[in-house]
């Protein structure tokens, strides 16, 4: 069975093949709805789209094992690759900059093998990749 390693939380979870990453994190007691650099994390835990790929607050970086996940969905493509969003959530597109190959929405990821996940990646508006 695949193992999901949550790097920041220093926690490993064994799951069946095809498990949804967001649901596995919830069962492990990990909040993936962190808001903007932690701001809003407590309220986003309750006010989110409940796994439908609409809010973008469950963004994660898959640091190892991207090949062990399903391909990017259309909802993820919309959240990360569209330059302009309809309010209320323009932030995920900004978080994606510099992480084009590893940023995913946890609610859209199916785990098919071992992966390492960094939850709640920061949004760096002044980083070197922002204006490139």
C-alpha atoms as a PDB file:
ATOM      1  CA  UNK A   1       0.000   0.000   0.000  1.00  0.00           C
ATOM      2  CA  UNK A   2       1.230   3.528  -0.797  1.00  0.00           C
ATOM      3  CA  UNK A   3       2.690   5.756   1.917  1.00  0.00           C
ATOM      4  CA  UNK A   4       2.033   9.501   2.043  1.00  0.00           C
ATOM      5  CA  UNK A   5       4.715  11.425   3.910  1.00  0.00           C
ATOM      6  CA  UNK A   6       3.624  14.857   5.122  1.00  0.00           C
ATOM      7  CA  UNK A   7       6.976  16.657   5.380  1.00  0.00           C
ATOM      8  CA  UNK A   8       6.060  19.684   7.560  1.00  0.00           C
ATOM      9  CA  UNK A   9       4.015  17.593   9.984  1.00  0.00           C
ATOM     10  CA  UNK A  10       6.609  14.785  10.070  1.00  0.00           C
ATOM     11  CA  UNK A  11       3.845  12.228   9.660  1.00  0.00           C
ATOM     12  CA  UNK A  12       3.523   9.144   7.436  1.00  0.00           C
ATOM     13  CA  UNK A  13       0.198   7.595   6.493  1.00  0.00           C
ATOM     14  CA  UNK A  14      -0.369   4.279   4.736  1.00  0.00           C
ATOM     15  CA  UNK A  15      -3.348   4.369   2.356  1.00  0.00           C
ATOM     16  CA  UNK A  16      -4.999   2.122  -0.253  1.00  0.00           C
ATOM     17  CA  UNK A  17      -4.221   2.756  -3.943  1.00  0.00           C
ATOM     18  CA  UNK A  18      -6.469   5.480  -5.389  1.00  0.00           C
ATOM     19  CA  UNK A  19      -7.014   7.296  -2.102  1.00  0.00           C
ATOM     20  CA  UNK A  20      -7.862  10.997  -2.262  1.00  0.00           C
ATOM     21  CA  UNK A  21      -5.018  13.053  -0.743  1.00  0.00           C
ATOM     22  CA  UNK A  22      -7.317  15.546   1.003  1.00  0.00           C
ATOM     23  CA  UNK A  23      -9.351  12.789   2.662  1.00  0.00           C
ATOM     24  CA  UNK A  24      -6.171  11.010   3.789  1.00  0.00           C
ATOM     25  CA  UNK A  25      -4.881  14.245   5.338  1.00  0.00           C
ATOM     26  CA  UNK A  26      -8.166  14.837   7.180  1.00  0.00           C
ATOM     27  CA  UNK A  27      -8.081  11.280   8.588  1.00  0.00           C
ATOM     28  CA  UNK A  28      -4.486  11.927   9.728  1.00  0.00           C
ATOM     29  CA  UNK A  29      -5.526  15.158  11.490  1.00  0.00           C
ATOM     30  CA  UNK A  30      -3.729  17.480   9.064  1.00  0.00           C
ATOM     31  CA  UNK A  31      -5.373  20.748   7.983  1.00  0.00           C
ATOM     32  CA  UNK A  32      -4.522  21.463   4.345  1.00  0.00           C
ATOM     33  CA  UNK A  33      -6.773  24.533   4.046  1.00  0.00           C
ATOM     34  CA  UNK A  34      -4.194  27.025   5.272  1.00  0.00           C
ATOM     35  CA  UNK A  35      -5.213  30.231   3.530  1.00  0.00           C
ATOM     36  CA  UNK A  36      -2.650  32.861   2.596  1.00  0.00           C
ATOM     37  CA  UNK A  37       0.633  32.054   4.358  1.00  0.00           C
ATOM     38  CA  UNK A  38      -1.282  30.764   7.356  1.00  0.00           C
ATOM     39  CA  UNK A  39      -3.601  33.769   7.565  1.00  0.00           C
ATOM     40  CA  UNK A  40      -7.133  32.429   7.663  1.00  0.00           C
ATOM     41  CA  UNK A  41      -6.158  28.820   8.401  1.00  0.00           C
ATOM     42  CA  UNK A  42      -8.578  28.432  11.284  1.00  0.00           C
ATOM     43  CA  UNK A  43     -11.605  29.655   9.325  1.00  0.00           C
ATOM     44  CA  UNK A  44     -10.579  27.983   6.048  1.00  0.00           C
ATOM     45  CA  UNK A  45     -10.682  24.658   7.873  1.00  0.00           C
ATOM     46  CA  UNK A  46     -14.466  25.064   7.880  1.00  0.00           C
ATOM     47  CA  UNK A  47     -15.132  27.491   5.001  1.00  0.00           C
ATOM     48  CA  UNK A  48     -13.845  25.693   1.935  1.00  0.00           C
ATOM     49  CA  UNK A  49     -15.342  23.934  -1.067  1.00  0.00           C
ATOM     50  CA  UNK A  50     -15.286  20.524   0.694  1.00  0.00           C
ATOM     51  CA  UNK A  51     -13.122  18.874  -1.934  1.00  0.00           C
ATOM     52  CA  UNK A  52     -14.670  20.060  -5.194  1.00  0.00           C
ATOM     53  CA  UNK A  53     -11.586  21.900  -6.509  1.00  0.00           C
ATOM     54  CA  UNK A  54     -13.255  25.295  -6.461  1.00  0.00           C
ATOM     55  CA  UNK A  55     -11.566  27.255  -3.650  1.00  0.00           C
ATOM     56  CA  UNK A  56      -7.908  26.331  -4.108  1.00  0.00           C
ATOM     57  CA  UNK A  57      -7.088  26.492  -0.397  1.00  0.00           C
ATOM     58  CA  UNK A  58      -5.899  22.864  -0.241  1.00  0.00           C
ATOM     59  CA  UNK A  59      -2.889  23.484  -2.473  1.00  0.00           C
ATOM     60  CA  UNK A  60       0.135  21.288  -1.776  1.00  0.00           C
ATOM     61  CA  UNK A  61       3.596  20.714  -3.198  1.00  0.00           C
ATOM     62  CA  UNK A  62       4.349  17.132  -4.114  1.00  0.00           C
ATOM     63  CA  UNK A  63       8.096  17.018  -3.509  1.00  0.00           C
ATOM     64  CA  UNK A  64       8.594  13.329  -4.393  1.00  0.00           C
ATOM     65  CA  UNK A  65       6.518  10.821  -6.291  1.00  0.00           C
ATOM     66  CA  UNK A  66       4.581  13.041  -8.713  1.00  0.00           C
ATOM     67  CA  UNK A  67       4.557  10.068 -11.095  1.00  0.00           C
ATOM     68  CA  UNK A  68       2.531   8.192  -8.450  1.00  0.00           C
ATOM     69  CA  UNK A  69      -0.442  10.560  -8.777  1.00  0.00           C
ATOM     70  CA  UNK A  70      -3.156  11.073 -11.356  1.00  0.00           C
ATOM     71  CA  UNK A  71      -2.628  13.690 -14.105  1.00  0.00           C
ATOM     72  CA  UNK A  72      -3.604  17.311 -13.383  1.00  0.00           C
ATOM     73  CA  UNK A  73      -7.365  17.782 -13.642  1.00  0.00           C
ATOM     74  CA  UNK A  74      -9.179  20.565 -15.487  1.00  0.00           C
ATOM     75  CA  UNK A  75     -10.122  22.175 -12.183  1.00  0.00           C
ATOM     76  CA  UNK A  76      -6.473  22.293 -11.162  1.00  0.00           C
ATOM     77  CA  UNK A  77      -5.551  23.723 -14.534  1.00  0.00           C
ATOM     78  CA  UNK A  78      -8.136  26.462 -14.030  1.00  0.00           C
ATOM     79  CA  UNK A  79      -6.943  27.246 -10.505  1.00  0.00           C
ATOM     80  CA  UNK A  80      -3.251  27.369 -11.358  1.00  0.00           C
ATOM     81  CA  UNK A  81      -2.870  28.307 -15.008  1.00  0.00           C
ATOM     82  CA  UNK A  82      -5.561  30.913 -15.560  1.00  0.00           C
ATOM     83  CA  UNK A  83      -4.045  34.376 -15.028  1.00  0.00           C
ATOM     84  CA  UNK A  84      -7.294  35.894 -13.743  1.00  0.00           C
ATOM     85  CA  UNK A  85      -9.789  34.324 -11.375  1.00  0.00           C
ATOM     86  CA  UNK A  86     -13.304  35.126 -10.434  1.00  0.00           C
ATOM     87  CA  UNK A  87     -13.342  36.235  -6.783  1.00  0.00           C
ATOM     88  CA  UNK A  88     -13.011  35.139  -4.046  1.00  0.00           C
ATOM     89  CA  UNK A  89      -9.828  33.181  -4.754  1.00  0.00           C
ATOM     90  CA  UNK A  90      -7.048  34.666  -6.922  1.00  0.00           C
ATOM     91  CA  UNK A  91      -4.284  33.381  -4.617  1.00  0.00           C
ATOM     92  CA  UNK A  92      -3.572  29.817  -5.863  1.00  0.00           C
ATOM     93  CA  UNK A  93      -2.403  31.127  -9.232  1.00  0.00           C
ATOM     94  CA  UNK A  94       0.192  33.244  -7.412  1.00  0.00           C
ATOM     95  CA  UNK A  95       1.302  30.322  -5.252  1.00  0.00           C
ATOM     96  CA  UNK A  96       1.908  28.276  -8.381  1.00  0.00           C
ATOM     97  CA  UNK A  97       4.683  30.557  -9.678  1.00  0.00           C
ATOM     98  CA  UNK A  98       7.943  28.659  -9.512  1.00  0.00           C
ATOM     99  CA  UNK A  99       6.236  25.332  -8.741  1.00  0.00           C
ATOM    100  CA  UNK A 100       4.651  24.530 -12.089  1.00  0.00           C
ATOM    101  CA  UNK A 101       5.592  20.852 -11.973  1.00  0.00           C
ATOM    102  CA  UNK A 102       4.818  20.089  -8.333  1.00  0.00           C
ATOM    103  CA  UNK A 103       1.828  22.218  -7.186  1.00  0.00           C
ATOM    104  CA  UNK A 104      -1.505  20.381  -6.946  1.00  0.00           C
ATOM    105  CA  UNK A 105      -4.871  20.643  -5.221  1.00  0.00           C
ATOM    106  CA  UNK A 106      -5.042  17.916  -2.572  1.00  0.00           C
ATOM    107  CA  UNK A 107      -8.756  17.385  -3.213  1.00  0.00           C
ATOM    108  CA  UNK A 108      -8.043  16.426  -6.843  1.00  0.00           C
ATOM    109  CA  UNK A 109      -5.030  14.130  -6.238  1.00  0.00           C
ATOM    110  CA  UNK A 110      -5.382  10.342  -6.258  1.00  0.00           C
ATOM    111  CA  UNK A 111      -2.471   8.520  -4.636  1.00  0.00           C
ATOM    112  CA  UNK A 112      -1.257   5.513  -6.625  1.00  0.00           C
ATOM    113  CA  UNK A 113       2.158   5.072  -4.976  1.00  0.00           C
ATOM    114  CA  UNK A 114       4.510   6.576  -2.391  1.00  0.00           C
ATOM    115  CA  UNK A 115       4.596  10.386  -2.318  1.00  0.00           C
ATOM    116  CA  UNK A 116       6.009  13.197  -0.170  1.00  0.00           C
ATOM    117  CA  UNK A 117       3.816  16.246   0.344  1.00  0.00           C
ATOM    118  CA  UNK A 118       4.578  19.739   1.629  1.00  0.00           C
ATOM    119  CA  UNK A 119       1.334  21.138   2.965  1.00  0.00           C
ATOM    120  CA  UNK A 120       0.446  24.837   2.893  1.00  0.00           C
ATOM    121  CA  UNK A 121       3.203  26.120   0.595  1.00  0.00           C
ATOM    122  CA  UNK A 122       3.821  29.846   1.123  1.00  0.00           C
ATOM    123  CA  UNK A 123       2.874  32.534  -1.384  1.00  0.00           C
ATOM    124  CA  UNK A 124       5.960  34.659  -2.091  1.00  0.00           C
ATOM    125  CA  UNK A 125       4.826  37.796  -3.892  1.00  0.00           C
ATOM    126  CA  UNK A 126       8.341  39.218  -3.948  1.00  0.00           C
ATOM    127  CA  UNK A 127      10.297  36.122  -4.926  1.00  0.00           C
ATOM    128  CA  UNK A 128      12.615  35.853  -7.884  1.00  0.00           C
ATOM    129  CA  UNK A 129      10.047  33.951  -9.971  1.00  0.00           C
ATOM    130  CA  UNK A 130       7.141  36.344  -9.478  1.00  0.00           C
ATOM    131  CA  UNK A 131       7.999  38.803 -12.254  1.00  0.00           C
ATOM    132  CA  UNK A 132       9.539  36.286 -14.669  1.00  0.00           C
END
